[in-house]
PDB file of N, CA and C in Angstrom:
ATOM      1  N   UNK A   1     -44.801  54.769   1.681  1.00  0.00           N
ATOM      2  CA  UNK A   1     -43.766  55.713   1.290  1.00  0.00           C
ATOM      3  C   UNK A   1     -42.684  55.738   2.366  1.00  0.00           C
ATOM      4  N   UNK A   2     -41.524  56.108   1.932  1.00  0.00           N
ATOM      5  CA  UNK A   2     -40.337  56.168   2.785  1.00  0.00           C
ATOM      6  C   UNK A   2     -39.661  57.510   2.526  1.00  0.00           C
ATOM      7  N   UNK A   3     -39.169  58.168   3.568  1.00  0.00           N
ATOM      8  CA  UNK A   3     -38.438  59.423   3.426  1.00  0.00           C
ATOM      9  C   UNK A   3     -36.950  59.093   3.410  1.00  0.00           C
ATOM     10  N   UNK A   4     -36.275  59.396   2.298  1.00  0.00           N
ATOM     11  CA  UNK A   4     -34.872  59.039   2.116  1.00  0.00           C
ATOM     12  C   UNK A   4     -33.981  60.108   2.752  1.00  0.00           C
ATOM     13  N   UNK A   5     -33.692  59.920   4.018  1.00  0.00           N
ATOM     14  CA  UNK A   5     -32.888  60.882   4.770  1.00  0.00           C
ATOM     15  C   UNK A   5     -31.458  60.909   4.264  1.00  0.00           C
ATOM     16  N   UNK A   6     -30.918  59.747   3.929  1.00  0.00           N
ATOM     17  CA  UNK A   6     -29.538  59.693   3.438  1.00  0.00           C
ATOM     18  C   UNK A   6     -29.372  60.536   2.178  1.00  0.00           C
ATOM     19  N   UNK A   7     -30.302  60.418   1.255  1.00  0.00           N
ATOM     20  CA  UNK A   7     -30.214  61.190   0.015  1.00  0.00           C
ATOM     21  C   UNK A   7     -30.347  62.691   0.298  1.00  0.00           C
ATOM     22  N   UNK A   8     -31.217  63.060   1.232  1.00  0.00           N
ATOM     23  CA  UNK A   8     -31.368  64.462   1.621  1.00  0.00           C
ATOM     24  C   UNK A   8     -30.047  65.003   2.154  1.00  0.00           C
ATOM     25  N   UNK A   9     -29.452  64.279   3.087  1.00  0.00           N
ATOM     26  CA  UNK A   9     -28.176  64.710   3.677  1.00  0.00           C
ATOM     27  C   UNK A   9     -27.106  64.803   2.602  1.00  0.00           C
ATOM     28  N   UNK A  10     -27.021  63.807   1.740  1.00  0.00           N
ATOM     29  CA  UNK A  10     -26.026  63.818   0.657  1.00  0.00           C
ATOM     30  C   UNK A  10     -26.238  65.004  -0.272  1.00  0.00           C
ATOM     31  N   UNK A  11     -27.481  65.255  -0.649  1.00  0.00           N
ATOM     32  CA  UNK A  11     -27.778  66.350  -1.574  1.00  0.00           C
ATOM     33  C   UNK A  11     -27.456  67.717  -0.979  1.00  0.00           C
ATOM     34  N   UNK A  12     -27.484  67.808   0.337  1.00  0.00           N
ATOM     35  CA  UNK A  12     -27.197  69.084   1.006  1.00  0.00           C
ATOM     36  C   UNK A  12     -25.730  69.237   1.372  1.00  0.00           C
ATOM     37  N   UNK A  13     -24.890  68.316   0.914  1.00  0.00           N
ATOM     38  CA  UNK A  13     -23.457  68.454   1.110  1.00  0.00           C
ATOM     39  C   UNK A  13     -22.856  67.558   2.172  1.00  0.00           C
ATOM     40  N   UNK A  14     -23.639  66.671   2.739  1.00  0.00           N
ATOM     41  CA  UNK A  14     -23.128  65.751   3.747  1.00  0.00           C
ATOM     42  C   UNK A  14     -23.521  66.166   5.149  1.00  0.00           C
ATOM     43  N   UNK A  15     -23.223  65.289   6.088  1.00  0.00           N
ATOM     44  CA  UNK A  15     -23.644  65.484   7.477  1.00  0.00           C
ATOM     45  C   UNK A  15     -23.069  66.757   8.091  1.00  0.00           C
ATOM     46  N   UNK A  16     -21.803  67.022   7.857  1.00  0.00           N
ATOM     47  CA  UNK A  16     -21.174  68.212   8.441  1.00  0.00           C
ATOM     48  C   UNK A  16     -21.796  69.482   7.891  1.00  0.00           C
ATOM     49  N   UNK A  17     -22.039  69.517   6.595  1.00  0.00           N
ATOM     50  CA  UNK A  17     -22.642  70.702   5.972  1.00  0.00           C
ATOM     51  C   UNK A  17     -24.053  70.942   6.498  1.00  0.00           C
ATOM     52  N   UNK A  18     -24.853  69.875   6.605  1.00  0.00           N
ATOM     53  CA  UNK A  18     -26.219  70.007   7.122  1.00  0.00           C
ATOM     54  C   UNK A  18     -26.179  70.495   8.568  1.00  0.00           C
ATOM     55  N   UNK A  19     -25.281  69.925   9.357  1.00  0.00           N
ATOM     56  CA  UNK A  19     -25.163  70.319  10.763  1.00  0.00           C
ATOM     57  C   UNK A  19     -24.845  71.810  10.891  1.00  0.00           C
ATOM     58  N   UNK A  20     -23.945  72.297  10.065  1.00  0.00           N
ATOM     59  CA  UNK A  20     -23.601  73.729  10.097  1.00  0.00           C
ATOM     60  C   UNK A  20     -24.786  74.586   9.683  1.00  0.00           C
ATOM     61  N   UNK A  21     -25.530  74.131   8.673  1.00  0.00           N
ATOM     62  CA  UNK A  21     -26.678  74.902   8.179  1.00  0.00           C
ATOM     63  C   UNK A  21     -27.739  75.097   9.250  1.00  0.00           C
ATOM     64  N   UNK A  22     -27.934  74.088  10.084  1.00  0.00           N
ATOM     65  CA  UNK A  22     -29.037  74.154  11.055  1.00  0.00           C
ATOM     66  C   UNK A  22     -28.574  74.319  12.500  1.00  0.00           C
ATOM     67  N   UNK A  23     -27.261  74.421  12.719  1.00  0.00           N
ATOM     68  CA  UNK A  23     -26.748  74.697  14.048  1.00  0.00           C
ATOM     69  C   UNK A  23     -26.836  73.531  15.029  1.00  0.00           C
ATOM     70  N   UNK A  24     -26.459  72.344  14.563  1.00  0.00           N
ATOM     71  CA  UNK A  24     -26.471  71.153  15.408  1.00  0.00           C
ATOM     72  C   UNK A  24     -25.108  70.484  15.339  1.00  0.00           C
ATOM     73  N   UNK A  25     -24.879  69.508  16.194  1.00  0.00           N
ATOM     74  CA  UNK A  25     -23.635  68.746  16.158  1.00  0.00           C
ATOM     75  C   UNK A  25     -23.512  67.960  14.869  1.00  0.00           C
ATOM     76  N   UNK A  26     -22.305  67.770  14.411  1.00  0.00           N
ATOM     77  CA  UNK A  26     -22.092  67.110  13.110  1.00  0.00           C
ATOM     78  C   UNK A  26     -22.492  65.655  13.103  1.00  0.00           C
ATOM     79  N   UNK A  27     -22.641  65.026  14.271  1.00  0.00           N
ATOM     80  CA  UNK A  27     -23.033  63.618  14.312  1.00  0.00           C
ATOM     81  C   UNK A  27     -24.545  63.423  14.306  1.00  0.00           C
ATOM     82  N   UNK A  28     -25.303  64.482  14.530  1.00  0.00           N
ATOM     83  CA  UNK A  28     -26.771  64.365  14.592  1.00  0.00           C
ATOM     84  C   UNK A  28     -27.355  63.815  13.288  1.00  0.00           C
ATOM     85  N   UNK A  29     -26.945  64.317  12.111  1.00  0.00           N
ATOM     86  CA  UNK A  29     -27.499  63.754  10.871  1.00  0.00           C
ATOM     87  C   UNK A  29     -27.223  62.257  10.693  1.00  0.00           C
ATOM     88  N   UNK A  30     -26.107  61.777  11.212  1.00  0.00           N
ATOM     89  CA  UNK A  30     -25.834  60.339  11.146  1.00  0.00           C
ATOM     90  C   UNK A  30     -26.875  59.572  11.960  1.00  0.00           C
ATOM     91  N   UNK A  31     -27.296  60.138  13.075  1.00  0.00           N
ATOM     92  CA  UNK A  31     -28.341  59.526  13.895  1.00  0.00           C
ATOM     93  C   UNK A  31     -29.665  59.458  13.159  1.00  0.00           C
ATOM     94  N   UNK A  32     -29.999  60.516  12.412  1.00  0.00           N
ATOM     95  CA  UNK A  32     -31.241  60.509  11.623  1.00  0.00           C
ATOM     96  C   UNK A  32     -31.234  59.330  10.664  1.00  0.00           C
ATOM     97  N   UNK A  33     -30.108  59.173   9.979  1.00  0.00           N
ATOM     98  CA  UNK A  33     -29.993  58.101   8.987  1.00  0.00           C
ATOM     99  C   UNK A  33     -30.060  56.744   9.676  1.00  0.00           C
ATOM    100  N   UNK A  34     -29.327  56.591  10.777  1.00  0.00           N
ATOM    101  CA  UNK A  34     -29.285  55.309  11.488  1.00  0.00           C
ATOM    102  C   UNK A  34     -30.660  54.899  12.010  1.00  0.00           C
ATOM    103  N   UNK A  35     -31.419  55.878  12.529  1.00  0.00           N
ATOM    104  CA  UNK A  35     -32.741  55.587  13.090  1.00  0.00           C
ATOM    105  C   UNK A  35     -33.860  55.671  12.059  1.00  0.00           C
ATOM    106  N   UNK A  36     -33.535  56.139  10.862  1.00  0.00           N
ATOM    107  CA  UNK A  36     -34.541  56.385   9.817  1.00  0.00           C
ATOM    108  C   UNK A  36     -35.626  57.320  10.341  1.00  0.00           C
ATOM    109  N   UNK A  37     -35.196  58.363  11.045  1.00  0.00           N
ATOM    110  CA  UNK A  37     -36.132  59.328  11.620  1.00  0.00           C
ATOM    111  C   UNK A  37     -35.477  60.700  11.687  1.00  0.00           C
ATOM    112  N   UNK A  38     -36.241  61.710  11.266  1.00  0.00           N
ATOM    113  CA  UNK A  38     -35.833  63.091  11.418  1.00  0.00           C
ATOM    114  C   UNK A  38     -37.058  63.863  11.904  1.00  0.00           C
ATOM    115  N   UNK A  39     -36.864  64.700  12.902  1.00  0.00           N
ATOM    116  CA  UNK A  39     -38.004  65.417  13.473  1.00  0.00           C
ATOM    117  C   UNK A  39     -38.478  66.532  12.546  1.00  0.00           C
ATOM    118  N   UNK A  40     -39.723  66.907  12.718  1.00  0.00           N
ATOM    119  CA  UNK A  40     -40.259  68.016  11.922  1.00  0.00           C
ATOM    120  C   UNK A  40     -39.522  69.310  12.264  1.00  0.00           C
ATOM    121  N   UNK A  41     -39.046  69.431  13.498  1.00  0.00           N
ATOM    122  CA  UNK A  41     -38.270  70.618  13.887  1.00  0.00           C
ATOM    123  C   UNK A  41     -37.009  70.733  13.035  1.00  0.00           C
ATOM    124  N   UNK A  42     -36.275  69.638  12.900  1.00  0.00           N
ATOM    125  CA  UNK A  42     -35.057  69.674  12.091  1.00  0.00           C
ATOM    126  C   UNK A  42     -35.373  69.849  10.608  1.00  0.00           C
ATOM    127  N   UNK A  43     -36.455  69.239  10.144  1.00  0.00           N
ATOM    128  CA  UNK A  43     -36.853  69.444   8.748  1.00  0.00           C
ATOM    129  C   UNK A  43     -37.175  70.910   8.485  1.00  0.00           C
ATOM    130  N   UNK A  44     -37.826  71.557   9.435  1.00  0.00           N
ATOM    131  CA  UNK A  44     -38.158  72.971   9.237  1.00  0.00           C
ATOM    132  C   UNK A  44     -36.895  73.835   9.238  1.00  0.00           C
ATOM    133  N   UNK A  45     -35.907  73.484  10.053  1.00  0.00           N
ATOM    134  CA  UNK A  45     -34.637  74.221  10.037  1.00  0.00           C
ATOM    135  C   UNK A  45     -33.902  74.022   8.713  1.00  0.00           C
ATOM    136  N   UNK A  46     -33.941  72.796   8.193  1.00  0.00           N
ATOM    137  CA  UNK A  46     -33.321  72.516   6.894  1.00  0.00           C
ATOM    138  C   UNK A  46     -34.021  73.320   5.802  1.00  0.00           C
ATOM    139  N   UNK A  47     -35.330  73.344   5.841  1.00  0.00           N
ATOM    140  CA  UNK A  47     -36.103  74.085   4.832  1.00  0.00           C
ATOM    141  C   UNK A  47     -35.828  75.587   4.943  1.00  0.00           C
ATOM    142  N   UNK A  48     -35.698  76.087   6.162  1.00  0.00           N
ATOM    143  CA  UNK A  48     -35.394  77.508   6.362  1.00  0.00           C
ATOM    144  C   UNK A  48     -34.026  77.858   5.784  1.00  0.00           C
ATOM    145  N   UNK A  49     -33.060  76.961   5.949  1.00  0.00           N
ATOM    146  CA  UNK A  49     -31.713  77.188   5.424  1.00  0.00           C
ATOM    147  C   UNK A  49     -31.639  76.975   3.915  1.00  0.00           C
ATOM    148  N   UNK A  50     -32.590  76.220   3.369  1.00  0.00           N
ATOM    149  CA  UNK A  50     -32.616  75.891   1.939  1.00  0.00           C
ATOM    150  C   UNK A  50     -34.024  76.111   1.402  1.00  0.00           C
ATOM    151  N   UNK A  51     -34.447  77.363   1.263  1.00  0.00           N
ATOM    152  CA  UNK A  51     -35.845  77.650   0.925  1.00  0.00           C
ATOM    153  C   UNK A  51     -36.328  77.064  -0.406  1.00  0.00           C
ATOM    154  N   UNK A  52     -35.439  76.798  -1.326  1.00  0.00           N
ATOM    155  CA  UNK A  52     -35.847  76.253  -2.620  1.00  0.00           C
ATOM    156  C   UNK A  52     -35.877  74.728  -2.625  1.00  0.00           C
ATOM    157  N   UNK A  53     -35.480  74.101  -1.530  1.00  0.00           N
ATOM    158  CA  UNK A  53     -35.462  72.649  -1.434  1.00  0.00           C
ATOM    159  C   UNK A  53     -36.876  72.096  -1.502  1.00  0.00           C
ATOM    160  N   UNK A  54     -37.078  71.111  -2.379  1.00  0.00           N
ATOM    161  CA  UNK A  54     -38.375  70.449  -2.496  1.00  0.00           C
ATOM    162  C   UNK A  54     -38.331  69.171  -1.670  1.00  0.00           C
ATOM    163  N   UNK A  55     -38.854  69.229  -0.463  1.00  0.00           N
ATOM    164  CA  UNK A  55     -38.864  68.093   0.459  1.00  0.00           C
ATOM    165  C   UNK A  55     -39.568  66.886  -0.165  1.00  0.00           C
ATOM    166  N   UNK A  56     -40.551  67.132  -1.004  1.00  0.00           N
ATOM    167  CA  UNK A  56     -41.304  66.038  -1.626  1.00  0.00           C
ATOM    168  C   UNK A  56     -40.411  65.111  -2.441  1.00  0.00           C
ATOM    169  N   UNK A  57     -39.289  65.617  -2.917  1.00  0.00           N
ATOM    170  CA  UNK A  57     -38.374  64.804  -3.734  1.00  0.00           C
ATOM    171  C   UNK A  57     -37.787  63.630  -2.977  1.00  0.00           C
ATOM    172  N   UNK A  58     -37.847  63.668  -1.667  1.00  0.00           N
ATOM    173  CA  UNK A  58     -37.186  62.649  -0.855  1.00  0.00           C
ATOM    174  C   UNK A  58     -38.134  61.554  -0.374  1.00  0.00           C
ATOM    175  N   UNK A  59     -39.381  61.643  -0.773  1.00  0.00           N
ATOM    176  CA  UNK A  59     -40.331  60.565  -0.481  1.00  0.00           C
ATOM    177  C   UNK A  59     -40.250  59.541  -1.602  1.00  0.00           C
ATOM    178  N   UNK A  60     -40.086  58.287  -1.225  1.00  0.00           N
ATOM    179  CA  UNK A  60     -39.934  57.207  -2.200  1.00  0.00           C
ATOM    180  C   UNK A  60     -40.909  56.087  -1.876  1.00  0.00           C
ATOM    181  N   UNK A  61     -41.241  55.317  -2.888  1.00  0.00           N
ATOM    182  CA  UNK A  61     -42.072  54.137  -2.688  1.00  0.00           C
ATOM    183  C   UNK A  61     -41.279  53.100  -1.901  1.00  0.00           C
ATOM    184  N   UNK A  62     -41.944  52.303  -1.106  1.00  0.00           N
ATOM    185  CA  UNK A  62     -41.286  51.287  -0.278  1.00  0.00           C
ATOM    186  C   UNK A  62     -40.650  50.182  -1.100  1.00  0.00           C
ATOM    187  N   UNK A  63     -41.206  49.868  -2.265  1.00  0.00           N
ATOM    188  CA  UNK A  63     -40.705  48.778  -3.092  1.00  0.00           C
ATOM    189  C   UNK A  63     -39.306  49.103  -3.602  1.00  0.00           C
ATOM    190  N   UNK A  64     -38.320  48.385  -3.126  1.00  0.00           N
ATOM    191  CA  UNK A  64     -36.932  48.627  -3.511  1.00  0.00           C
ATOM    192  C   UNK A  64     -36.688  48.348  -4.986  1.00  0.00           C
ATOM    193  N   UNK A  65     -37.574  47.592  -5.623  1.00  0.00           N
ATOM    194  CA  UNK A  65     -37.393  47.250  -7.033  1.00  0.00           C
ATOM    195  C   UNK A  65     -38.100  48.239  -7.955  1.00  0.00           C
ATOM    196  N   UNK A  66     -38.754  49.231  -7.379  1.00  0.00           N
ATOM    197  CA  UNK A  66     -39.453  50.249  -8.159  1.00  0.00           C
ATOM    198  C   UNK A  66     -38.417  51.137  -8.831  1.00  0.00           C
ATOM    199  N   UNK A  67     -38.453  51.235 -10.145  1.00  0.00           N
ATOM    200  CA  UNK A  67     -37.451  52.024 -10.863  1.00  0.00           C
ATOM    201  C   UNK A  67     -37.757  53.509 -10.830  1.00  0.00           C
ATOM    202  N   UNK A  68     -38.987  53.887 -10.513  1.00  0.00           N
ATOM    203  CA  UNK A  68     -39.368  55.301 -10.458  1.00  0.00           C
ATOM    204  C   UNK A  68     -39.616  55.685  -9.004  1.00  0.00           C
ATOM    205  N   UNK A  69     -38.550  55.682  -8.209  1.00  0.00           N
ATOM    206  CA  UNK A  69     -38.678  55.910  -6.782  1.00  0.00           C
ATOM    207  C   UNK A  69     -38.701  57.382  -6.393  1.00  0.00           C
ATOM    208  N   UNK A  70     -38.487  58.266  -7.316  1.00  0.00           N
ATOM    209  CA  UNK A  70     -38.415  59.688  -6.983  1.00  0.00           C
ATOM    210  C   UNK A  70     -39.784  60.291  -6.851  1.00  0.00           C
ATOM    211  N   UNK A  71     -39.922  61.198  -5.902  1.00  0.00           N
ATOM    212  CA  UNK A  71     -41.183  61.876  -5.698  1.00  0.00           C
ATOM    213  C   UNK A  71     -41.289  63.148  -6.510  1.00  0.00           C
ATOM    214  N   UNK A  72     -40.310  63.453  -7.340  1.00  0.00           N
ATOM    215  CA  UNK A  72     -40.301  64.677  -8.140  1.00  0.00           C
ATOM    216  C   UNK A  72     -40.336  64.332  -9.629  1.00  0.00           C
ATOM    217  N   UNK A  73     -40.825  65.257 -10.398  1.00  0.00           N
ATOM    218  CA  UNK A  73     -40.723  65.057 -11.838  1.00  0.00           C
ATOM    219  C   UNK A  73     -39.318  65.444 -12.265  1.00  0.00           C
ATOM    220  N   UNK A  74     -38.796  64.702 -13.179  1.00  0.00           N
ATOM    221  CA  UNK A  74     -37.415  64.955 -13.634  1.00  0.00           C
ATOM    222  C   UNK A  74     -37.391  65.498 -15.025  1.00  0.00           C
TER     223      UNK A  74
END
């Protein structure tokens, strides 16, 4: 499984919006995407700012050719 950080950031309004929500510099989310890593601390801040967000939706299968890559029911 892979955690799609780019889609998470996009769904939350972009890097600047996410940064404002969690009180970090606006370039930090770009680093998450570039490194393909986000800390549990930042995930918890995102969840606190967006309590209805289903984090499970951002887990995807590694196979890029998989047509059902979403971790949520649609």
